[in-house]
Amino acid sequence: MSEFNSKIVAQKCQKLADEISAIVKFDRDLYNAFASIDREVFVPKSFKHQAYKLDPLPISQNQWISSPLTVAKMTLALEISKDVDSVLEIGCGSGYQAAILSKLIRRVFTVERIEPLLLEAKKCFKMLGISNIHARFDDGQKGWRDYAPYDRILLSASVKKIPETLLEQLAENGVLAAPIETGSKQVITQFIKTKSGIRVRNLEECLFVPILNGISR
């Protein structure tokens, strides 16, 4: 990419970060994450012209890349602080959410059940020079025991109930954020694991594709 094109991309990313921060209030670290990750890389060619808008967009395998606003809200629900070292994402999808997290947390682990999606996401990470994302092809409801416990866990697909396996892999005082299906609605919900049990807090409505069992090649 030429220096001129690089400047244009940087300007577009910063404008996107400005638009997000005008609606969702967050700190400079998250602002810089949005300003430094080129969303266009994660969007199909036919939708490149919409990459810097605040809209969810279709990707391959009948999946979607979330609205940047939703990515911001899910990230905020994790309550990331300086002492957070690891995060597990269930549902890598396009890889955009994981890329944002990679700018905030030292180690990002992401699991995707649809192999073609995961392969595309890994290409995007490589293209952007992101080296702290570890990606796995598996049923995300199993989590990723090898590197547990995780300080934070994020579900990028909706569930009726959090699998017990994932709560087991969450560190004490850790935070899990997920879109929970409640009747006909989905609500971003925060789960905090304490010595005395799990504290639950409902945040706001959202819309995600539902989690599915097994893997797909």
N, C-alpha and C. Protein backbone atom coordinates (compact mmCIF):
# COMPACT_ATOMS: atom_id res chain seq x y z
N MET A 1 0.85 -1.20 0.00
CA MET A 1 0.00 0.00 0.00
C MET A 1 0.88 1.24 0.00
N SER A 2 0.57 2.21 -0.86
CA SER A 2 1.35 3.43 -0.95
C SER A 2 1.15 4.28 0.30
N GLU A 3 2.08 5.21 0.51
CA GLU A 3 1.98 6.10 1.68
C GLU A 3 0.70 6.93 1.60
N PHE A 4 0.35 7.34 0.37
CA PHE A 4 -0.87 8.13 0.17
C PHE A 4 -2.11 7.33 0.58
N ASN A 5 -2.18 6.07 0.10
CA ASN A 5 -3.33 5.22 0.43
C ASN A 5 -3.37 4.91 1.92
N SER A 6 -2.20 4.74 2.52
CA SER A 6 -2.14 4.47 3.96
C SER A 6 -2.72 5.63 4.75
N LYS A 7 -2.45 6.84 4.31
CA LYS A 7 -2.98 8.02 5.00
C LYS A 7 -4.49 8.09 4.86
N ILE A 8 -4.99 7.75 3.67
CA ILE A 8 -6.44 7.76 3.45
C ILE A 8 -7.13 6.75 4.36
N VAL A 9 -6.56 5.53 4.44
CA VAL A 9 -7.12 4.49 5.31
C VAL A 9 -7.11 4.94 6.76
N ALA A 10 -5.99 5.54 7.19
CA ALA A 10 -5.88 6.02 8.57
C ALA A 10 -6.94 7.07 8.86
N GLN A 11 -7.18 7.95 7.90
CA GLN A 11 -8.20 8.99 8.07
C GLN A 11 -9.60 8.37 8.18
N LYS A 12 -9.87 7.35 7.35
CA LYS A 12 -11.17 6.68 7.38
C LYS A 12 -11.38 5.96 8.72
N CYS A 13 -10.33 5.31 9.21
CA CYS A 13 -10.43 4.59 10.49
C CYS A 13 -10.64 5.57 11.64
N GLN A 14 -9.95 6.70 11.60
CA GLN A 14 -10.11 7.69 12.66
C GLN A 14 -11.52 8.29 12.62
N LYS A 15 -12.03 8.54 11.43
CA LYS A 15 -13.39 9.07 11.30
C LYS A 15 -14.40 8.07 11.87
N LEU A 16 -14.18 6.77 11.58
CA LEU A 16 -15.06 5.74 12.13
C LEU A 16 -14.99 5.75 13.66
N ALA A 17 -13.77 5.84 14.20
CA ALA A 17 -13.61 5.90 15.66
C ALA A 17 -14.32 7.11 16.25
N ASP A 18 -14.26 8.24 15.55
CA ASP A 18 -14.95 9.45 16.00
C ASP A 18 -16.46 9.23 16.04
N GLU A 19 -17.00 8.60 15.00
CA GLU A 19 -18.44 8.37 14.91
C GLU A 19 -18.92 7.42 16.01
N ILE A 20 -18.12 6.38 16.27
CA ILE A 20 -18.48 5.43 17.32
C ILE A 20 -18.46 6.13 18.68
N SER A 21 -17.39 6.88 18.93
CA SER A 21 -17.22 7.51 20.25
C SER A 21 -18.24 8.62 20.50
N ALA A 22 -18.85 9.12 19.45
CA ALA A 22 -19.89 10.14 19.62
C ALA A 22 -21.19 9.52 20.15
N ILE A 23 -21.32 8.20 19.98
CA ILE A 23 -22.53 7.49 20.41
C ILE A 23 -22.27 6.64 21.65
N VAL A 24 -21.13 5.95 21.64
CA VAL A 24 -20.75 5.08 22.76
C VAL A 24 -19.52 5.68 23.43
N LYS A 25 -19.62 6.03 24.67
CA LYS A 25 -18.52 6.69 25.37
C LYS A 25 -17.49 5.67 25.84
N PHE A 26 -16.24 5.88 25.46
CA PHE A 26 -15.18 4.98 25.92
C PHE A 26 -13.86 5.73 26.02
N ASP A 27 -12.85 5.04 26.55
CA ASP A 27 -11.57 5.70 26.82
C ASP A 27 -10.68 5.75 25.58
N ARG A 28 -9.52 6.40 25.74
CA ARG A 28 -8.59 6.61 24.64
C ARG A 28 -8.05 5.29 24.09
N ASP A 29 -7.85 4.29 24.93
CA ASP A 29 -7.31 3.01 24.47
C ASP A 29 -8.25 2.35 23.46
N LEU A 30 -9.54 2.34 23.77
CA LEU A 30 -10.50 1.73 22.84
C LEU A 30 -10.65 2.59 21.59
N TYR A 31 -10.61 3.90 21.76
CA TYR A 31 -10.65 4.79 20.59
C TYR A 31 -9.48 4.47 19.66
N ASN A 32 -8.29 4.35 20.22
CA ASN A 32 -7.11 4.07 19.41
C ASN A 32 -7.20 2.70 18.73
N ALA A 33 -7.85 1.74 19.40
CA ALA A 33 -8.02 0.42 18.79
C ALA A 33 -8.87 0.52 17.53
N PHE A 34 -9.99 1.22 17.61
CA PHE A 34 -10.83 1.40 16.43
C PHE A 34 -10.12 2.21 15.35
N ALA A 35 -9.33 3.19 15.76
CA ALA A 35 -8.64 4.05 14.80
C ALA A 35 -7.48 3.33 14.12
N SER A 36 -7.01 2.23 14.72
CA SER A 36 -5.83 1.54 14.16
C SER A 36 -6.16 0.25 13.42
N ILE A 37 -7.39 -0.25 13.56
CA ILE A 37 -7.77 -1.49 12.89
C ILE A 37 -8.64 -1.16 11.68
N ASP A 38 -8.18 -1.53 10.51
CA ASP A 38 -8.91 -1.23 9.27
C ASP A 38 -10.04 -2.23 9.07
N ARG A 39 -11.27 -1.79 9.30
CA ARG A 39 -12.43 -2.68 9.18
C ARG A 39 -12.60 -3.20 7.76
N GLU A 40 -12.14 -2.44 6.77
CA GLU A 40 -12.29 -2.85 5.38
C GLU A 40 -11.64 -4.20 5.10
N VAL A 41 -10.56 -4.50 5.83
CA VAL A 41 -9.85 -5.77 5.65
C VAL A 41 -10.76 -6.96 5.94
N PHE A 42 -11.72 -6.78 6.85
CA PHE A 42 -12.58 -7.87 7.32
C PHE A 42 -13.90 -7.96 6.57
N VAL A 43 -14.10 -7.08 5.61
CA VAL A 43 -15.38 -6.99 4.89
C VAL A 43 -15.23 -7.56 3.48
N PRO A 44 -16.22 -8.31 2.98
CA PRO A 44 -16.15 -8.83 1.60
C PRO A 44 -15.99 -7.70 0.58
N LYS A 45 -15.33 -8.00 -0.53
CA LYS A 45 -15.05 -6.98 -1.54
C LYS A 45 -16.29 -6.25 -2.00
N SER A 46 -17.40 -6.97 -2.11
CA SER A 46 -18.64 -6.34 -2.60
C SER A 46 -19.22 -5.32 -1.63
N PHE A 47 -18.71 -5.30 -0.39
CA PHE A 47 -19.22 -4.35 0.60
C PHE A 47 -18.13 -3.38 1.08
N LYS A 48 -17.01 -3.30 0.37
CA LYS A 48 -15.92 -2.43 0.79
C LYS A 48 -16.36 -0.98 0.95
N HIS A 49 -17.28 -0.54 0.08
CA HIS A 49 -17.73 0.85 0.12
C HIS A 49 -18.53 1.16 1.38
N GLN A 50 -18.94 0.11 2.12
CA GLN A 50 -19.71 0.31 3.34
C GLN A 50 -18.90 -0.02 4.60
N ALA A 51 -17.62 -0.32 4.42
CA ALA A 51 -16.80 -0.81 5.53
C ALA A 51 -16.68 0.18 6.68
N TYR A 52 -16.74 1.47 6.38
CA TYR A 52 -16.52 2.47 7.42
C TYR A 52 -17.83 3.08 7.93
N LYS A 53 -18.93 2.39 7.67
CA LYS A 53 -20.22 2.82 8.20
C LYS A 53 -20.53 2.04 9.48
N LEU A 54 -21.51 2.53 10.21
CA LEU A 54 -21.85 1.93 11.50
C LEU A 54 -22.89 0.82 11.36
N ASP A 55 -22.77 0.03 10.31
CA ASP A 55 -23.76 -1.00 10.02
C ASP A 55 -23.15 -2.40 10.11
N PRO A 56 -23.94 -3.40 10.55
CA PRO A 56 -23.49 -4.79 10.38
C PRO A 56 -23.51 -5.12 8.90
N LEU A 57 -22.64 -6.01 8.47
CA LEU A 57 -22.56 -6.36 7.05
C LEU A 57 -22.48 -7.87 6.90
N PRO A 58 -23.08 -8.42 5.85
CA PRO A 58 -22.98 -9.87 5.62
C PRO A 58 -21.57 -10.26 5.20
N ILE A 59 -21.13 -11.41 5.68
CA ILE A 59 -19.87 -12.00 5.23
C ILE A 59 -20.20 -13.39 4.70
N SER A 60 -19.21 -14.20 4.45
CA SER A 60 -19.47 -15.53 3.88
C SER A 60 -20.10 -16.47 4.90
N GLN A 61 -20.58 -17.60 4.44
CA GLN A 61 -21.14 -18.66 5.30
C GLN A 61 -22.41 -18.20 6.04
N ASN A 62 -23.14 -17.25 5.43
CA ASN A 62 -24.38 -16.74 6.04
C ASN A 62 -24.16 -16.13 7.42
N GLN A 63 -23.01 -15.53 7.62
CA GLN A 63 -22.69 -14.88 8.88
C GLN A 63 -22.60 -13.37 8.67
N TRP A 64 -22.33 -12.65 9.77
CA TRP A 64 -22.30 -11.19 9.71
C TRP A 64 -21.10 -10.65 10.47
N ILE A 65 -20.58 -9.51 10.02
CA ILE A 65 -19.63 -8.74 10.82
C ILE A 65 -20.46 -7.72 11.58
N SER A 66 -20.31 -7.68 12.88
CA SER A 66 -21.14 -6.83 13.72
C SER A 66 -20.93 -5.35 13.41
N SER A 67 -21.93 -4.56 13.74
CA SER A 67 -21.77 -3.12 13.69
C SER A 67 -20.62 -2.71 14.61
N PRO A 68 -19.82 -1.72 14.22
CA PRO A 68 -18.77 -1.23 15.12
C PRO A 68 -19.33 -0.79 16.47
N LEU A 69 -20.57 -0.31 16.48
CA LEU A 69 -21.19 0.08 17.74
C LEU A 69 -21.35 -1.12 18.66
N THR A 70 -21.77 -2.25 18.08
CA THR A 70 -21.94 -3.47 18.87
C THR A 70 -20.61 -3.98 19.37
N VAL A 71 -19.59 -3.91 18.51
CA VAL A 71 -18.24 -4.32 18.92
C VAL A 71 -17.78 -3.48 20.10
N ALA A 72 -18.04 -2.18 20.04
CA ALA A 72 -17.66 -1.29 21.14
C ALA A 72 -18.41 -1.65 22.42
N LYS A 73 -19.70 -1.90 22.31
CA LYS A 73 -20.51 -2.21 23.49
C LYS A 73 -20.10 -3.54 24.12
N MET A 74 -19.82 -4.54 23.29
CA MET A 74 -19.39 -5.83 23.82
C MET A 74 -18.03 -5.71 24.50
N THR A 75 -17.15 -4.92 23.89
CA THR A 75 -15.83 -4.71 24.49
C THR A 75 -15.95 -4.00 25.82
N LEU A 76 -16.78 -2.99 25.90
CA LEU A 76 -16.98 -2.27 27.15
C LEU A 76 -17.57 -3.16 28.24
N ALA A 77 -18.42 -4.10 27.83
CA ALA A 77 -19.04 -5.02 28.80
C ALA A 77 -18.00 -5.90 29.49
N LEU A 78 -16.83 -6.05 28.86
CA LEU A 78 -15.76 -6.86 29.45
C LEU A 78 -15.03 -6.13 30.57
N GLU A 79 -15.21 -4.81 30.64
CA GLU A 79 -14.54 -4.00 31.67
C GLU A 79 -13.04 -4.29 31.70
N ILE A 80 -12.39 -4.04 30.59
CA ILE A 80 -10.95 -4.32 30.46
C ILE A 80 -10.15 -3.28 31.23
N SER A 81 -9.23 -3.77 32.05
CA SER A 81 -8.33 -2.91 32.81
C SER A 81 -6.88 -3.31 32.49
N LYS A 82 -5.94 -2.57 33.02
CA LYS A 82 -4.52 -2.79 32.70
C LYS A 82 -4.02 -4.16 33.15
N ASP A 83 -4.67 -4.75 34.17
CA ASP A 83 -4.19 -6.04 34.68
C ASP A 83 -4.82 -7.23 33.97
N VAL A 84 -5.66 -6.98 32.97
CA VAL A 84 -6.27 -8.08 32.20
C VAL A 84 -5.25 -8.59 31.19
N ASP A 85 -4.95 -9.89 31.27
CA ASP A 85 -3.89 -10.47 30.44
C ASP A 85 -4.42 -11.31 29.29
N SER A 86 -5.57 -11.97 29.49
CA SER A 86 -6.04 -12.90 28.47
C SER A 86 -7.55 -12.80 28.28
N VAL A 87 -7.98 -13.03 27.03
CA VAL A 87 -9.40 -13.04 26.71
C VAL A 87 -9.67 -14.19 25.75
N LEU A 88 -10.79 -14.86 25.95
CA LEU A 88 -11.24 -15.92 25.05
C LEU A 88 -12.50 -15.44 24.35
N GLU A 89 -12.47 -15.47 23.02
CA GLU A 89 -13.66 -15.10 22.25
C GLU A 89 -14.27 -16.36 21.64
N ILE A 90 -15.56 -16.52 21.80
CA ILE A 90 -16.28 -17.62 21.20
C ILE A 90 -17.04 -17.09 19.98
N GLY A 91 -16.63 -17.52 18.80
CA GLY A 91 -17.23 -17.05 17.56
C GLY A 91 -16.37 -15.99 16.89
N CYS A 92 -15.28 -16.40 16.30
CA CYS A 92 -14.34 -15.46 15.68
C CYS A 92 -14.97 -14.70 14.52
N GLY A 93 -15.78 -15.40 13.70
CA GLY A 93 -16.41 -14.76 12.56
C GLY A 93 -15.41 -14.11 11.63
N SER A 94 -15.60 -12.84 11.31
CA SER A 94 -14.70 -12.12 10.42
C SER A 94 -13.34 -11.88 11.05
N GLY A 95 -13.30 -11.86 12.38
CA GLY A 95 -12.05 -11.58 13.09
C GLY A 95 -11.93 -10.14 13.58
N TYR A 96 -12.90 -9.28 13.24
CA TYR A 96 -12.81 -7.86 13.59
C TYR A 96 -12.83 -7.64 15.10
N GLN A 97 -13.74 -8.31 15.80
CA GLN A 97 -13.80 -8.16 17.26
C GLN A 97 -12.49 -8.59 17.90
N ALA A 98 -11.94 -9.72 17.46
CA ALA A 98 -10.67 -10.20 18.01
C ALA A 98 -9.55 -9.20 17.74
N ALA A 99 -9.56 -8.58 16.56
CA ALA A 99 -8.53 -7.61 16.21
C ALA A 99 -8.60 -6.39 17.13
N ILE A 100 -9.82 -5.92 17.42
CA ILE A 100 -9.97 -4.81 18.37
C ILE A 100 -9.44 -5.21 19.74
N LEU A 101 -9.79 -6.39 20.19
CA LEU A 101 -9.32 -6.87 21.50
C LEU A 101 -7.80 -7.00 21.54
N SER A 102 -7.19 -7.32 20.41
CA SER A 102 -5.74 -7.51 20.37
C SER A 102 -4.98 -6.23 20.68
N LYS A 103 -5.64 -5.09 20.52
CA LYS A 103 -5.00 -3.81 20.84
C LYS A 103 -5.15 -3.44 22.31
N LEU A 104 -5.96 -4.21 23.03
CA LEU A 104 -6.26 -3.89 24.43
C LEU A 104 -5.75 -4.92 25.42
N ILE A 105 -5.57 -6.16 24.95
CA ILE A 105 -5.22 -7.27 25.84
C ILE A 105 -4.03 -8.03 25.25
N ARG A 106 -3.12 -8.46 26.11
CA ARG A 106 -1.88 -9.07 25.63
C ARG A 106 -2.10 -10.35 24.85
N ARG A 107 -3.01 -11.21 25.33
CA ARG A 107 -3.23 -12.50 24.66
C ARG A 107 -4.71 -12.66 24.33
N VAL A 108 -5.00 -12.86 23.05
CA VAL A 108 -6.37 -13.06 22.59
C VAL A 108 -6.49 -14.47 22.02
N PHE A 109 -7.45 -15.23 22.53
CA PHE A 109 -7.72 -16.57 22.04
C PHE A 109 -9.13 -16.55 21.43
N THR A 110 -9.25 -17.04 20.21
CA THR A 110 -10.56 -17.00 19.56
C THR A 110 -10.86 -18.34 18.91
N VAL A 111 -12.10 -18.80 19.05
CA VAL A 111 -12.52 -20.10 18.55
C VAL A 111 -13.65 -19.89 17.54
N GLU A 112 -13.56 -20.60 16.41
CA GLU A 112 -14.58 -20.51 15.38
C GLU A 112 -14.94 -21.91 14.90
N ARG A 113 -16.26 -22.19 14.77
CA ARG A 113 -16.74 -23.52 14.37
C ARG A 113 -16.83 -23.68 12.86
N ILE A 114 -16.75 -22.59 12.09
CA ILE A 114 -16.83 -22.67 10.63
C ILE A 114 -15.42 -22.46 10.06
N GLU A 115 -14.84 -23.52 9.53
CA GLU A 115 -13.42 -23.47 9.14
C GLU A 115 -13.10 -22.40 8.09
N PRO A 116 -13.90 -22.26 7.01
CA PRO A 116 -13.56 -21.22 6.02
C PRO A 116 -13.51 -19.82 6.63
N LEU A 117 -14.40 -19.53 7.59
CA LEU A 117 -14.38 -18.23 8.25
C LEU A 117 -13.09 -18.03 9.03
N LEU A 118 -12.68 -19.07 9.74
CA LEU A 118 -11.47 -18.97 10.55
C LEU A 118 -10.24 -18.75 9.66
N LEU A 119 -10.18 -19.45 8.55
CA LEU A 119 -9.03 -19.31 7.64
C LEU A 119 -8.97 -17.88 7.09
N GLU A 120 -10.12 -17.31 6.75
CA GLU A 120 -10.16 -15.94 6.26
C GLU A 120 -9.73 -14.96 7.35
N ALA A 121 -10.21 -15.18 8.56
CA ALA A 121 -9.84 -14.30 9.67
C ALA A 121 -8.33 -14.33 9.92
N LYS A 122 -7.74 -15.51 9.85
CA LYS A 122 -6.30 -15.63 10.06
C LYS A 122 -5.51 -14.88 8.99
N LYS A 123 -6.02 -14.89 7.76
CA LYS A 123 -5.39 -14.12 6.69
C LYS A 123 -5.44 -12.62 7.02
N CYS A 124 -6.58 -12.18 7.55
CA CYS A 124 -6.72 -10.77 7.91
C CYS A 124 -5.75 -10.39 9.02
N PHE A 125 -5.62 -11.24 10.04
CA PHE A 125 -4.67 -10.97 11.13
C PHE A 125 -3.26 -10.84 10.58
N LYS A 126 -2.90 -11.74 9.68
CA LYS A 126 -1.55 -11.72 9.10
C LYS A 126 -1.34 -10.46 8.28
N MET A 127 -2.35 -10.08 7.50
CA MET A 127 -2.26 -8.89 6.65
C MET A 127 -2.02 -7.63 7.49
N LEU A 128 -2.64 -7.60 8.68
CA LEU A 128 -2.50 -6.43 9.55
C LEU A 128 -1.31 -6.54 10.50
N GLY A 129 -0.59 -7.65 10.42
CA GLY A 129 0.59 -7.82 11.27
C GLY A 129 0.26 -8.04 12.73
N ILE A 130 -0.91 -8.62 13.00
CA ILE A 130 -1.32 -8.89 14.38
C ILE A 130 -0.78 -10.27 14.79
N SER A 131 0.02 -10.30 15.85
CA SER A 131 0.68 -11.55 16.23
C SER A 131 0.24 -12.10 17.58
N ASN A 132 -0.65 -11.39 18.28
CA ASN A 132 -1.05 -11.86 19.61
C ASN A 132 -2.44 -12.49 19.65
N ILE A 133 -2.96 -12.86 18.47
CA ILE A 133 -4.23 -13.58 18.40
C ILE A 133 -3.96 -15.05 18.09
N HIS A 134 -4.49 -15.93 18.93
CA HIS A 134 -4.34 -17.38 18.75
C HIS A 134 -5.72 -17.92 18.37
N ALA A 135 -5.82 -18.54 17.19
CA ALA A 135 -7.12 -18.95 16.65
C ALA A 135 -7.23 -20.47 16.57
N ARG A 136 -8.43 -20.97 16.86
CA ARG A 136 -8.65 -22.42 16.89
C ARG A 136 -9.95 -22.78 16.18
N PHE A 137 -9.92 -23.86 15.41
CA PHE A 137 -11.11 -24.39 14.75
C PHE A 137 -11.73 -25.44 15.65
N ASP A 138 -12.91 -25.14 16.21
CA ASP A 138 -13.56 -26.07 17.14
C ASP A 138 -14.96 -25.54 17.47
N ASP A 139 -15.72 -26.35 18.16
CA ASP A 139 -17.00 -25.91 18.70
C ASP A 139 -16.70 -25.01 19.89
N GLY A 140 -17.01 -23.73 19.76
CA GLY A 140 -16.65 -22.77 20.78
C GLY A 140 -17.28 -23.00 22.13
N GLN A 141 -18.38 -23.75 22.17
CA GLN A 141 -19.04 -24.00 23.45
C GLN A 141 -18.17 -24.84 24.38
N LYS A 142 -17.12 -25.46 23.82
CA LYS A 142 -16.17 -26.22 24.64
C LYS A 142 -15.13 -25.30 25.26
N GLY A 143 -15.03 -24.07 24.73
CA GLY A 143 -13.98 -23.17 25.18
C GLY A 143 -12.63 -23.60 24.64
N TRP A 144 -11.57 -23.32 25.40
CA TRP A 144 -10.20 -23.69 25.00
C TRP A 144 -9.43 -23.92 26.28
N ARG A 145 -9.53 -25.15 26.79
CA ARG A 145 -9.01 -25.47 28.13
C ARG A 145 -7.51 -25.29 28.27
N ASP A 146 -6.77 -25.44 27.18
CA ASP A 146 -5.31 -25.43 27.26
C ASP A 146 -4.76 -24.16 27.91
N TYR A 147 -5.43 -23.03 27.72
CA TYR A 147 -4.92 -21.76 28.21
C TYR A 147 -5.77 -21.14 29.31
N ALA A 148 -6.75 -21.89 29.78
CA ALA A 148 -7.61 -21.41 30.86
C ALA A 148 -6.82 -21.39 32.18
N PRO A 149 -7.23 -20.56 33.15
CA PRO A 149 -8.41 -19.69 33.10
C PRO A 149 -8.14 -18.38 32.38
N TYR A 150 -9.22 -17.77 31.87
CA TYR A 150 -9.13 -16.51 31.15
C TYR A 150 -9.67 -15.37 32.01
N ASP A 151 -9.02 -14.23 31.92
CA ASP A 151 -9.49 -13.06 32.66
C ASP A 151 -10.83 -12.56 32.13
N ARG A 152 -11.02 -12.72 30.82
CA ARG A 152 -12.25 -12.28 30.18
C ARG A 152 -12.68 -13.31 29.14
N ILE A 153 -13.99 -13.47 28.98
CA ILE A 153 -14.55 -14.32 27.92
C ILE A 153 -15.66 -13.54 27.24
N LEU A 154 -15.68 -13.58 25.92
CA LEU A 154 -16.69 -12.87 25.15
C LEU A 154 -17.35 -13.83 24.17
N LEU A 155 -18.66 -13.86 24.16
CA LEU A 155 -19.40 -14.67 23.19
C LEU A 155 -19.90 -13.76 22.08
N SER A 156 -19.52 -14.08 20.85
CA SER A 156 -19.97 -13.30 19.69
C SER A 156 -21.10 -14.01 18.96
N ALA A 157 -21.87 -14.78 19.70
CA ALA A 157 -23.08 -15.44 19.19
C ALA A 157 -24.03 -15.58 20.36
N SER A 158 -25.33 -15.54 20.07
CA SER A 158 -26.31 -15.53 21.16
C SER A 158 -26.57 -16.92 21.71
N VAL A 159 -26.86 -16.97 23.00
CA VAL A 159 -27.16 -18.23 23.68
C VAL A 159 -28.33 -18.01 24.64
N LYS A 160 -29.02 -19.10 24.93
CA LYS A 160 -30.08 -19.03 25.94
C LYS A 160 -29.47 -19.09 27.34
N LYS A 161 -28.38 -19.85 27.45
CA LYS A 161 -27.72 -20.03 28.74
C LYS A 161 -26.22 -20.22 28.50
N ILE A 162 -25.39 -19.67 29.38
CA ILE A 162 -23.95 -19.82 29.24
C ILE A 162 -23.54 -21.26 29.54
N PRO A 163 -22.82 -21.93 28.63
CA PRO A 163 -22.35 -23.29 28.91
C PRO A 163 -21.49 -23.30 30.17
N GLU A 164 -21.73 -24.27 31.03
CA GLU A 164 -20.99 -24.37 32.28
C GLU A 164 -19.49 -24.48 32.03
N THR A 165 -19.13 -25.12 30.93
CA THR A 165 -17.71 -25.28 30.57
C THR A 165 -17.01 -23.93 30.47
N LEU A 166 -17.70 -22.94 29.91
CA LEU A 166 -17.09 -21.62 29.76
C LEU A 166 -16.94 -20.91 31.11
N LEU A 167 -17.93 -21.06 31.96
CA LEU A 167 -17.83 -20.45 33.29
C LEU A 167 -16.69 -21.07 34.08
N GLU A 168 -16.46 -22.36 33.88
CA GLU A 168 -15.35 -23.05 34.55
C GLU A 168 -14.00 -22.49 34.08
N GLN A 169 -13.95 -22.05 32.82
CA GLN A 169 -12.69 -21.55 32.26
C GLN A 169 -12.47 -20.06 32.51
N LEU A 170 -13.41 -19.43 33.19
CA LEU A 170 -13.29 -18.02 33.55
C LEU A 170 -12.58 -17.90 34.90
N ALA A 171 -11.60 -17.03 34.97
CA ALA A 171 -10.84 -16.84 36.20
C ALA A 171 -11.71 -16.21 37.29
N GLU A 172 -11.32 -16.42 38.53
CA GLU A 172 -12.02 -15.76 39.62
C GLU A 172 -11.89 -14.24 39.46
N ASN A 173 -12.98 -13.54 39.67
CA ASN A 173 -13.08 -12.09 39.44
C ASN A 173 -13.06 -11.74 37.96
N GLY A 174 -13.15 -12.76 37.11
CA GLY A 174 -13.19 -12.53 35.67
C GLY A 174 -14.58 -12.12 35.21
N VAL A 175 -14.63 -11.57 34.00
CA VAL A 175 -15.89 -11.09 33.43
C VAL A 175 -16.17 -11.81 32.12
N LEU A 176 -17.39 -12.28 31.96
CA LEU A 176 -17.86 -12.88 30.71
C LEU A 176 -18.99 -12.01 30.18
N ALA A 177 -18.94 -11.67 28.90
CA ALA A 177 -20.00 -10.89 28.27
C ALA A 177 -20.59 -11.70 27.13
N ALA A 178 -21.92 -11.71 27.06
CA ALA A 178 -22.58 -12.53 26.04
C ALA A 178 -23.95 -11.96 25.70
N PRO A 179 -24.40 -12.17 24.46
CA PRO A 179 -25.78 -11.84 24.10
C PRO A 179 -26.70 -13.00 24.53
N ILE A 180 -27.55 -12.74 25.49
CA ILE A 180 -28.42 -13.78 26.03
C ILE A 180 -29.81 -13.65 25.42
N GLU A 181 -30.34 -14.79 24.94
CA GLU A 181 -31.68 -14.82 24.36
C GLU A 181 -32.72 -14.83 25.48
N THR A 182 -33.58 -13.80 25.47
CA THR A 182 -34.64 -13.69 26.46
C THR A 182 -35.95 -13.49 25.73
N GLY A 183 -36.72 -14.56 25.59
CA GLY A 183 -37.93 -14.49 24.80
C GLY A 183 -37.58 -14.19 23.35
N SER A 184 -38.16 -13.14 22.81
CA SER A 184 -37.87 -12.76 21.42
C SER A 184 -36.72 -11.76 21.33
N LYS A 185 -36.12 -11.41 22.46
CA LYS A 185 -35.05 -10.41 22.48
C LYS A 185 -33.70 -11.04 22.80
N GLN A 186 -32.65 -10.28 22.51
CA GLN A 186 -31.31 -10.62 22.94
C GLN A 186 -30.78 -9.45 23.76
N VAL A 187 -30.10 -9.75 24.85
CA VAL A 187 -29.60 -8.70 25.74
C VAL A 187 -28.12 -8.94 26.03
N ILE A 188 -27.30 -7.91 25.83
CA ILE A 188 -25.91 -8.00 26.25
C ILE A 188 -25.89 -8.14 27.76
N THR A 189 -25.31 -9.23 28.22
CA THR A 189 -25.34 -9.56 29.65
C THR A 189 -23.93 -9.79 30.16
N GLN A 190 -23.68 -9.27 31.33
CA GLN A 190 -22.36 -9.38 31.96
C GLN A 190 -22.42 -10.36 33.13
N PHE A 191 -21.47 -11.28 33.16
CA PHE A 191 -21.37 -12.27 34.24
C PHE A 191 -20.03 -12.07 34.93
N ILE A 192 -20.04 -11.83 36.23
CA ILE A 192 -18.81 -11.65 36.99
C ILE A 192 -18.67 -12.82 37.96
N LYS A 193 -17.54 -13.53 37.87
CA LYS A 193 -17.31 -14.71 38.69
C LYS A 193 -16.64 -14.33 40.00
N THR A 194 -17.30 -14.57 41.09
CA THR A 194 -16.76 -14.24 42.41
C THR A 194 -16.64 -15.52 43.25
N LYS A 195 -16.02 -15.39 44.41
CA LYS A 195 -15.90 -16.54 45.31
C LYS A 195 -17.26 -17.07 45.73
N SER A 196 -18.22 -16.16 45.83
CA SER A 196 -19.54 -16.56 46.32
C SER A 196 -20.51 -16.94 45.20
N GLY A 197 -20.07 -16.82 43.94
CA GLY A 197 -20.95 -17.20 42.84
C GLY A 197 -20.84 -16.25 41.66
N ILE A 198 -21.82 -16.31 40.78
CA ILE A 198 -21.83 -15.51 39.56
C ILE A 198 -22.80 -14.34 39.73
N ARG A 199 -22.29 -13.12 39.55
CA ARG A 199 -23.14 -11.93 39.54
C ARG A 199 -23.53 -11.62 38.09
N VAL A 200 -24.80 -11.32 37.88
CA VAL A 200 -25.32 -11.10 36.52
C VAL A 200 -25.87 -9.69 36.41
N ARG A 201 -25.53 -9.04 35.28
CA ARG A 201 -26.06 -7.70 35.04
C ARG A 201 -26.49 -7.57 33.58
N ASN A 202 -27.74 -7.22 33.37
CA ASN A 202 -28.25 -6.99 32.01
C ASN A 202 -27.90 -5.57 31.57
N LEU A 203 -27.39 -5.44 30.35
CA LEU A 203 -26.96 -4.14 29.86
C LEU A 203 -27.93 -3.55 28.85
N GLU A 204 -27.93 -4.03 27.61
CA GLU A 204 -28.86 -3.49 26.63
C GLU A 204 -29.14 -4.50 25.53
N GLU A 205 -30.19 -4.24 24.77
CA GLU A 205 -30.58 -5.16 23.70
C GLU A 205 -29.54 -5.18 22.58
N CYS A 206 -29.49 -6.31 21.87
CA CYS A 206 -28.53 -6.48 20.79
C CYS A 206 -29.09 -7.48 19.79
N LEU A 207 -28.33 -7.78 18.76
CA LEU A 207 -28.75 -8.77 17.78
C LEU A 207 -27.54 -9.50 17.23
N PHE A 208 -27.46 -10.81 17.49
CA PHE A 208 -26.38 -11.66 17.01
C PHE A 208 -26.96 -12.92 16.37
N VAL A 209 -26.16 -13.58 15.56
CA VAL A 209 -26.55 -14.90 15.07
C VAL A 209 -26.47 -15.86 16.26
N PRO A 210 -27.32 -16.89 16.30
CA PRO A 210 -27.32 -17.82 17.44
C PRO A 210 -26.13 -18.78 17.38
N ILE A 211 -25.69 -19.20 18.54
CA ILE A 211 -24.63 -20.19 18.62
C ILE A 211 -25.15 -21.53 18.13
N LEU A 212 -24.29 -22.31 17.47
CA LEU A 212 -24.67 -23.62 16.94
C LEU A 212 -23.72 -24.68 17.46
N ASN A 213 -24.19 -25.91 17.47
CA ASN A 213 -23.37 -27.02 17.95
C ASN A 213 -22.46 -27.55 16.84
N GLY A 214 -21.35 -28.14 17.27
CA GLY A 214 -20.48 -28.84 16.33
C GLY A 214 -19.63 -27.91 15.47
N ILE A 215 -19.00 -28.51 14.45
CA ILE A 215 -18.13 -27.76 13.55
C ILE A 215 -18.61 -27.89 12.12
N SER A 216 -18.16 -27.00 11.27
CA SER A 216 -18.53 -27.03 9.85
C SER A 216 -17.31 -26.74 9.00
N ARG A 217 -17.03 -27.65 8.08
CA ARG A 217 -15.89 -27.46 7.17
C ARG A 217 -16.36 -26.94 5.83
